[in-house]
Amino acid sequence: MNKKDIPTELQNRLDEFHVEVPEIPAKSRLERLANWVYAPAKNPMNLLGIKGNSITGLILLPLIFVLVLSCTPIFL
């Protein structure tokens, strides 16, 4: 639909409204890259569900990982 297809009554009603759109400057590639580089990193302990006070999880998970890695050559 272009401007010619709009009835004059509707066009007059639409012309009554004035909207001010603020100009938002676009970020440059360098700014976007800097925001990505300096974004805070995710804590890898949260992915494993280990809390800061969970000593057993901090000790058992690496041991299980080492045991699994050491057993894989036997089964291959």
PDB file of N, CA and C in Angstrom:
ATOM      1  N   MET A   1       0.850  -1.169   0.000  1.00  0.00           N
ATOM      2  CA  MET A   1       0.000   0.000   0.000  1.00  0.00           C
ATOM      3  C   MET A   1       0.900   1.238   0.000  1.00  0.00           C
ATOM      4  N   ASN A   2       0.691   2.086  -0.951  1.00  0.00           N
ATOM      5  CA  ASN A   2       1.462   3.323  -0.988  1.00  0.00           C
ATOM      6  C   ASN A   2       0.587   4.499  -0.558  1.00  0.00           C
ATOM      7  N   LYS A   3       1.145   5.667  -0.589  1.00  0.00           N
ATOM      8  CA  LYS A   3       0.455   6.853  -0.081  1.00  0.00           C
ATOM      9  C   LYS A   3      -0.781   7.199  -0.912  1.00  0.00           C
ATOM     10  N   LYS A   4      -0.790   6.844  -2.179  1.00  0.00           N
ATOM     11  CA  LYS A   4      -1.930   7.157  -3.042  1.00  0.00           C
ATOM     12  C   LYS A   4      -3.139   6.282  -2.720  1.00  0.00           C
ATOM     13  N   ASP A   5      -2.908   5.098  -2.164  1.00  0.00           N
ATOM     14  CA  ASP A   5      -4.004   4.181  -1.856  1.00  0.00           C
ATOM     15  C   ASP A   5      -4.724   4.528  -0.555  1.00  0.00           C
ATOM     16  N   ILE A   6      -4.153   5.376   0.269  1.00  0.00           N
ATOM     17  CA  ILE A   6      -4.760   5.732   1.555  1.00  0.00           C
ATOM     18  C   ILE A   6      -5.848   6.777   1.311  1.00  0.00           C
ATOM     19  N   PRO A   7      -7.039   6.566   1.865  1.00  0.00           N
ATOM     20  CA  PRO A   7      -8.107   7.576   1.699  1.00  0.00           C
ATOM     21  C   PRO A   7      -7.705   8.906   2.336  1.00  0.00           C
ATOM     22  N   THR A   8      -8.267   9.993   1.820  1.00  0.00           N
ATOM     23  CA  THR A   8      -7.877  11.325   2.294  1.00  0.00           C
ATOM     24  C   THR A   8      -8.248  11.541   3.756  1.00  0.00           C
ATOM     25  N   GLU A   9      -9.380  10.998   4.196  1.00  0.00           N
ATOM     26  CA  GLU A   9      -9.780  11.164   5.598  1.00  0.00           C
ATOM     27  C   GLU A   9      -8.764  10.494   6.524  1.00  0.00           C
ATOM     28  N   LEU A  10      -8.355   9.311   6.157  1.00  0.00           N
ATOM     29  CA  LEU A  10      -7.358   8.604   6.959  1.00  0.00           C
ATOM     30  C   LEU A  10      -6.016   9.323   6.895  1.00  0.00           C
ATOM     31  N   GLN A  11      -5.666   9.837   5.727  1.00  0.00           N
ATOM     32  CA  GLN A  11      -4.408  10.565   5.582  1.00  0.00           C
ATOM     33  C   GLN A  11      -4.399  11.812   6.458  1.00  0.00           C
ATOM     34  N   ASN A  12      -5.532  12.518   6.526  1.00  0.00           N
ATOM     35  CA  ASN A  12      -5.626  13.708   7.384  1.00  0.00           C
ATOM     36  C   ASN A  12      -5.471  13.330   8.852  1.00  0.00           C
ATOM     37  N   ARG A  13      -6.075  12.215   9.259  1.00  0.00           N
ATOM     38  CA  ARG A  13      -5.948  11.764  10.650  1.00  0.00           C
ATOM     39  C   ARG A  13      -4.506  11.377  10.967  1.00  0.00           C
ATOM     40  N   LEU A  14      -3.855  10.729  10.030  1.00  0.00           N
ATOM     41  CA  LEU A  14      -2.467  10.322  10.249  1.00  0.00           C
ATOM     42  C   LEU A  14      -1.531  11.522  10.297  1.00  0.00           C
ATOM     43  N   ASP A  15      -1.846  12.552   9.543  1.00  0.00           N
ATOM     44  CA  ASP A  15      -1.002  13.746   9.532  1.00  0.00           C
ATOM     45  C   ASP A  15      -1.089  14.528  10.843  1.00  0.00           C
ATOM     46  N   GLU A  16      -2.117  14.283  11.648  1.00  0.00           N
ATOM     47  CA  GLU A  16      -2.241  14.966  12.937  1.00  0.00           C
ATOM     48  C   GLU A  16      -1.173  14.513  13.929  1.00  0.00           C
ATOM     49  N   PHE A  17      -0.714  13.309  13.779  1.00  0.00           N
ATOM     50  CA  PHE A  17       0.245  12.751  14.729  1.00  0.00           C
ATOM     51  C   PHE A  17       1.669  13.024  14.273  1.00  0.00           C
ATOM     52  N   HIS A  18       2.474  13.483  15.210  1.00  0.00           N
ATOM     53  CA  HIS A  18       3.882  13.722  14.934  1.00  0.00           C
ATOM     54  C   HIS A  18       4.700  12.939  15.950  1.00  0.00           C
ATOM     55  N   VAL A  19       5.564  12.123  15.468  1.00  0.00           N
ATOM     56  CA  VAL A  19       6.397  11.287  16.333  1.00  0.00           C
ATOM     57  C   VAL A  19       7.843  11.703  16.152  1.00  0.00           C
ATOM     58  N   GLU A  20       8.495  11.975  17.274  1.00  0.00           N
ATOM     59  CA  GLU A  20       9.916  12.302  17.226  1.00  0.00           C
ATOM     60  C   GLU A  20      10.713  11.040  17.533  1.00  0.00           C
ATOM     61  N   VAL A  21      11.517  10.647  16.604  1.00  0.00           N
ATOM     62  CA  VAL A  21      12.338   9.454  16.777  1.00  0.00           C
ATOM     63  C   VAL A  21      13.751   9.908  17.108  1.00  0.00           C
ATOM     64  N   PRO A  22      14.262   9.511  18.282  1.00  0.00           N
ATOM     65  CA  PRO A  22      15.628   9.927  18.622  1.00  0.00           C
ATOM     66  C   PRO A  22      16.641   9.213  17.727  1.00  0.00           C
ATOM     67  N   GLU A  23      17.686   9.924  17.430  1.00  0.00           N
ATOM     68  CA  GLU A  23      18.721   9.348  16.574  1.00  0.00           C
ATOM     69  C   GLU A  23      19.690   8.555  17.445  1.00  0.00           C
ATOM     70  N   ILE A  24      19.763   7.271  17.191  1.00  0.00           N
ATOM     71  CA  ILE A  24      20.645   6.391  17.958  1.00  0.00           C
ATOM     72  C   ILE A  24      21.858   6.083  17.085  1.00  0.00           C
ATOM     73  N   PRO A  25      23.034   6.482  17.528  1.00  0.00           N
ATOM     74  CA  PRO A  25      24.213   6.228  16.697  1.00  0.00           C
ATOM     75  C   PRO A  25      24.542   4.730  16.666  1.00  0.00           C
ATOM     76  N   ALA A  26      24.906   4.255  15.505  1.00  0.00           N
ATOM     77  CA  ALA A  26      25.279   2.849  15.351  1.00  0.00           C
ATOM     78  C   ALA A  26      26.700   2.640  15.864  1.00  0.00           C
ATOM     79  N   LYS A  27      26.919   1.488  16.474  1.00  0.00           N
ATOM     80  CA  LYS A  27      28.256   1.187  16.980  1.00  0.00           C
ATOM     81  C   LYS A  27      29.145   0.740  15.823  1.00  0.00           C
ATOM     82  N   SER A  28      30.393   1.120  15.917  1.00  0.00           N
ATOM     83  CA  SER A  28      31.331   0.696  14.886  1.00  0.00           C
ATOM     84  C   SER A  28      31.753  -0.748  15.153  1.00  0.00           C
ATOM     85  N   ARG A  29      32.403  -1.342  14.192  1.00  0.00           N
ATOM     86  CA  ARG A  29      32.884  -2.719  14.361  1.00  0.00           C
ATOM     87  C   ARG A  29      33.882  -2.812  15.505  1.00  0.00           C
ATOM     88  N   LEU A  30      34.700  -1.788  15.642  1.00  0.00           N
ATOM     89  CA  LEU A  30      35.705  -1.790  16.704  1.00  0.00           C
ATOM     90  C   LEU A  30      35.039  -1.749  18.081  1.00  0.00           C
ATOM     91  N   GLU A  31      33.979  -0.961  18.216  1.00  0.00           N
ATOM     92  CA  GLU A  31      33.262  -0.904  19.494  1.00  0.00           C
ATOM     93  C   GLU A  31      32.596  -2.233  19.814  1.00  0.00           C
ATOM     94  N   ARG A  32      31.992  -2.868  18.805  1.00  0.00           N
ATOM     95  CA  ARG A  32      31.354  -4.170  19.043  1.00  0.00           C
ATOM     96  C   ARG A  32      32.388  -5.212  19.424  1.00  0.00           C
ATOM     97  N   LEU A  33      33.551  -5.187  18.785  1.00  0.00           N
ATOM     98  CA  LEU A  33      34.619  -6.125  19.117  1.00  0.00           C
ATOM     99  C   LEU A  33      35.129  -5.872  20.531  1.00  0.00           C
ATOM    100  N   ALA A  34      35.283  -4.606  20.896  1.00  0.00           N
ATOM    101  CA  ALA A  34      35.751  -4.278  22.245  1.00  0.00           C
ATOM    102  C   ALA A  34      34.739  -4.723  23.295  1.00  0.00           C
ATOM    103  N   ASN A  35      33.453  -4.556  23.035  1.00  0.00           N
ATOM    104  CA  ASN A  35      32.430  -5.020  23.975  1.00  0.00           C
ATOM    105  C   ASN A  35      32.472  -6.531  24.119  1.00  0.00           C
ATOM    106  N   TRP A  36      32.714  -7.245  23.032  1.00  0.00           N
ATOM    107  CA  TRP A  36      32.773  -8.710  23.085  1.00  0.00           C
ATOM    108  C   TRP A  36      34.012  -9.170  23.845  1.00  0.00           C
ATOM    109  N   VAL A  37      35.154  -8.510  23.616  1.00  0.00           N
ATOM    110  CA  VAL A  37      36.401  -8.912  24.271  1.00  0.00           C
ATOM    111  C   VAL A  37      36.331  -8.638  25.767  1.00  0.00           C
ATOM    112  N   TYR A  38      35.782  -7.502  26.148  1.00  0.00           N
ATOM    113  CA  TYR A  38      35.772  -7.113  27.553  1.00  0.00           C
ATOM    114  C   TYR A  38      34.519  -7.571  28.302  1.00  0.00           C
ATOM    115  N   ALA A  39      33.687  -8.395  27.675  1.00  0.00           N
ATOM    116  CA  ALA A  39      32.516  -8.932  28.379  1.00  0.00           C
ATOM    117  C   ALA A  39      32.989  -9.921  29.438  1.00  0.00           C
ATOM    118  N   PRO A  40      32.319  -9.956  30.573  1.00  0.00           N
ATOM    119  CA  PRO A  40      32.756 -10.887  31.622  1.00  0.00           C
ATOM    120  C   PRO A  40      32.605 -12.334  31.164  1.00  0.00           C
ATOM    121  N   ALA A  41      33.589 -13.139  31.524  1.00  0.00           N
ATOM    122  CA  ALA A  41      33.575 -14.550  31.142  1.00  0.00           C
ATOM    123  C   ALA A  41      32.659 -15.326  32.077  1.00  0.00           C
ATOM    124  N   LYS A  42      32.076 -16.407  31.541  1.00  0.00           N
ATOM    125  CA  LYS A  42      31.229 -17.265  32.359  1.00  0.00           C
ATOM    126  C   LYS A  42      32.110 -18.161  33.215  1.00  0.00           C
ATOM    127  N   ASN A  43      31.658 -18.430  34.404  1.00  0.00           N
ATOM    128  CA  ASN A  43      32.394 -19.272  35.332  1.00  0.00           C
ATOM    129  C   ASN A  43      32.218 -20.738  34.927  1.00  0.00           C
ATOM    130  N   PRO A  44      33.305 -21.454  34.606  1.00  0.00           N
ATOM    131  CA  PRO A  44      33.164 -22.855  34.189  1.00  0.00           C
ATOM    132  C   PRO A  44      32.669 -23.756  35.307  1.00  0.00           C
ATOM    133  N   MET A  45      32.843 -23.369  36.562  1.00  0.00           N
ATOM    134  CA  MET A  45      32.353 -24.186  37.674  1.00  0.00           C
ATOM    135  C   MET A  45      30.825 -24.204  37.715  1.00  0.00           C
ATOM    136  N   ASN A  46      30.183 -23.161  37.209  1.00  0.00           N
ATOM    137  CA  ASN A  46      28.718 -23.148  37.176  1.00  0.00           C
ATOM    138  C   ASN A  46      28.184 -24.178  36.194  1.00  0.00           C
ATOM    139  N   LEU A  47      28.927 -24.447  35.121  1.00  0.00           N
ATOM    140  CA  LEU A  47      28.491 -25.452  34.158  1.00  0.00           C
ATOM    141  C   LEU A  47      28.464 -26.840  34.777  1.00  0.00           C
ATOM    142  N   LEU A  48      29.390 -27.123  35.688  1.00  0.00           N
ATOM    143  CA  LEU A  48      29.455 -28.429  36.336  1.00  0.00           C
ATOM    144  C   LEU A  48      28.581 -28.502  37.577  1.00  0.00           C
ATOM    145  N   GLY A  49      28.026 -27.414  37.995  1.00  0.00           N
ATOM    146  CA  GLY A  49      27.178 -27.396  39.178  1.00  0.00           C
ATOM    147  C   GLY A  49      27.970 -27.421  40.468  1.00  0.00           C
ATOM    148  N   ILE A  50      29.221 -27.001  40.426  1.00  0.00           N
ATOM    149  CA  ILE A  50      30.070 -27.008  41.618  1.00  0.00           C
ATOM    150  C   ILE A  50      30.000 -25.640  42.271  1.00  0.00           C
ATOM    151  N   LYS A  51      29.679 -25.633  43.537  1.00  0.00           N
ATOM    152  CA  LYS A  51      29.662 -24.383  44.292  1.00  0.00           C
ATOM    153  C   LYS A  51      31.048 -24.156  44.889  1.00  0.00           C
ATOM    154  N   GLY A  52      31.294 -22.983  45.369  1.00  0.00           N
ATOM    155  CA  GLY A  52      32.600 -22.654  45.934  1.00  0.00           C
ATOM    156  C   GLY A  52      32.947 -23.466  47.162  1.00  0.00           C
ATOM    157  N   ASN A  53      31.949 -23.903  47.918  1.00  0.00           N
ATOM    158  CA  ASN A  53      32.218 -24.649  49.141  1.00  0.00           C
ATOM    159  C   ASN A  53      32.070 -26.158  48.951  1.00  0.00           C
ATOM    160  N   SER A  54      31.965 -26.637  47.750  1.00  0.00           N
ATOM    161  CA  SER A  54      31.774 -28.061  47.472  1.00  0.00           C
ATOM    162  C   SER A  54      33.128 -28.729  47.253  1.00  0.00           C
ATOM    163  N   ILE A  55      33.777 -29.109  48.344  1.00  0.00           N
ATOM    164  CA  ILE A  55      35.106 -29.724  48.279  1.00  0.00           C
ATOM    165  C   ILE A  55      35.030 -31.093  47.603  1.00  0.00           C
ATOM    166  N   THR A  56      34.001 -31.860  47.911  1.00  0.00           N
ATOM    167  CA  THR A  56      33.907 -33.217  47.342  1.00  0.00           C
ATOM    168  C   THR A  56      33.783 -33.162  45.824  1.00  0.00           C
ATOM    169  N   GLY A  57      33.015 -32.225  45.327  1.00  0.00           N
ATOM    170  CA  GLY A  57      32.893 -32.098  43.872  1.00  0.00           C
ATOM    171  C   GLY A  57      34.189 -31.665  43.225  1.00  0.00           C
ATOM    172  N   LEU A  58      34.915 -30.795  43.903  1.00  0.00           N
ATOM    173  CA  LEU A  58      36.189 -30.331  43.354  1.00  0.00           C
ATOM    174  C   LEU A  58      37.240 -31.438  43.353  1.00  0.00           C
ATOM    175  N   ILE A  59      37.115 -32.397  44.266  1.00  0.00           N
ATOM    176  CA  ILE A  59      38.089 -33.486  44.339  1.00  0.00           C
ATOM    177  C   ILE A  59      37.649 -34.670  43.489  1.00  0.00           C
ATOM    178  N   LEU A  60      36.374 -35.034  43.547  1.00  0.00           N
ATOM    179  CA  LEU A  60      35.910 -36.247  42.880  1.00  0.00           C
ATOM    180  C   LEU A  60      35.811 -36.114  41.365  1.00  0.00           C
ATOM    181  N   LEU A  61      35.359 -34.991  40.862  1.00  0.00           N
ATOM    182  CA  LEU A  61      35.204 -34.863  39.411  1.00  0.00           C
ATOM    183  C   LEU A  61      36.525 -34.999  38.650  1.00  0.00           C
ATOM    184  N   PRO A  62      37.609 -34.370  39.066  1.00  0.00           N
ATOM    185  CA  PRO A  62      38.871 -34.598  38.349  1.00  0.00           C
ATOM    186  C   PRO A  62      39.369 -36.039  38.480  1.00  0.00           C
ATOM    187  N   LEU A  63      39.148 -36.669  39.639  1.00  0.00           N
ATOM    188  CA  LEU A  63      39.570 -38.064  39.802  1.00  0.00           C
ATOM    189  C   LEU A  63      38.796 -38.995  38.876  1.00  0.00           C
ATOM    190  N   ILE A  64      37.513 -38.786  38.773  1.00  0.00           N
ATOM    191  CA  ILE A  64      36.697 -39.606  37.862  1.00  0.00           C
ATOM    192  C   ILE A  64      37.136 -39.376  36.425  1.00  0.00           C
ATOM    193  N   PHE A  65      37.417 -38.148  36.077  1.00  0.00           N
ATOM    194  CA  PHE A  65      37.871 -37.830  34.721  1.00  0.00           C
ATOM    195  C   PHE A  65      39.186 -38.532  34.403  1.00  0.00           C
ATOM    196  N   VAL A  66      40.127 -38.527  35.339  1.00  0.00           N
ATOM    197  CA  VAL A  66      41.425 -39.187  35.141  1.00  0.00           C
ATOM    198  C   VAL A  66      41.241 -40.695  35.051  1.00  0.00           C
ATOM    199  N   LEU A  67      40.388 -41.267  35.877  1.00  0.00           N
ATOM    200  CA  LEU A  67      40.141 -42.710  35.826  1.00  0.00           C
ATOM    201  C   LEU A  67      39.522 -43.127  34.494  1.00  0.00           C
ATOM    202  N   VAL A  68      38.592 -42.356  34.008  1.00  0.00           N
ATOM    203  CA  VAL A  68      37.973 -42.672  32.714  1.00  0.00           C
ATOM    204  C   VAL A  68      38.999 -42.575  31.598  1.00  0.00           C
ATOM    205  N   LEU A  69      39.835 -41.556  31.633  1.00  0.00           N
ATOM    206  CA  LEU A  69      40.866 -41.418  30.601  1.00  0.00           C
ATOM    207  C   LEU A  69      41.896 -42.537  30.674  1.00  0.00           C
ATOM    208  N   SER A  70      42.216 -42.986  31.869  1.00  0.00           N
ATOM    209  CA  SER A  70      43.213 -44.052  31.994  1.00  0.00           C
ATOM    210  C   SER A  70      42.638 -45.405  31.600  1.00  0.00           C
ATOM    211  N   CYS A  71      41.333 -45.593  31.689  1.00  0.00           N
ATOM    212  CA  CYS A  71      40.711 -46.875  31.330  1.00  0.00           C
ATOM    213  C   CYS A  71      40.386 -46.980  29.846  1.00  0.00           C
ATOM    214  N   THR A  72      40.328 -45.906  29.141  1.00  0.00           N
ATOM    215  CA  THR A  72      39.954 -45.970  27.725  1.00  0.00           C
ATOM    216  C   THR A  72      40.951 -46.741  26.874  1.00  0.00           C
ATOM    217  N   PRO A  73      42.271 -46.688  27.092  1.00  0.00           N
ATOM    218  CA  PRO A  73      43.167 -47.497  26.254  1.00  0.00           C
ATOM    219  C   PRO A  73      42.984 -49.001  26.467  1.00  0.00           C
ATOM    220  N   ILE A  74      42.508 -49.402  27.624  1.00  0.00           N
ATOM    221  CA  ILE A  74      42.297 -50.825  27.891  1.00  0.00           C
ATOM    222  C   ILE A  74      41.172 -51.360  27.023  1.00  0.00           C
ATOM    223  N   PHE A  75      40.112 -50.581  26.863  1.00  0.00           N
ATOM    224  CA  PHE A  75      38.944 -51.044  26.123  1.00  0.00           C
ATOM    225  C   PHE A  75      39.057 -50.816  24.624  1.00  0.00           C
ATOM    226  N   LEU A  76      40.042 -50.087  24.210  1.00  0.00           N
ATOM    227  CA  LEU A  76      40.215 -49.862  22.771  1.00  0.00           C
ATOM    228  C   LEU A  76      41.098 -50.918  22.252  1.00  0.00           C
TER     229      LEU A  76
END
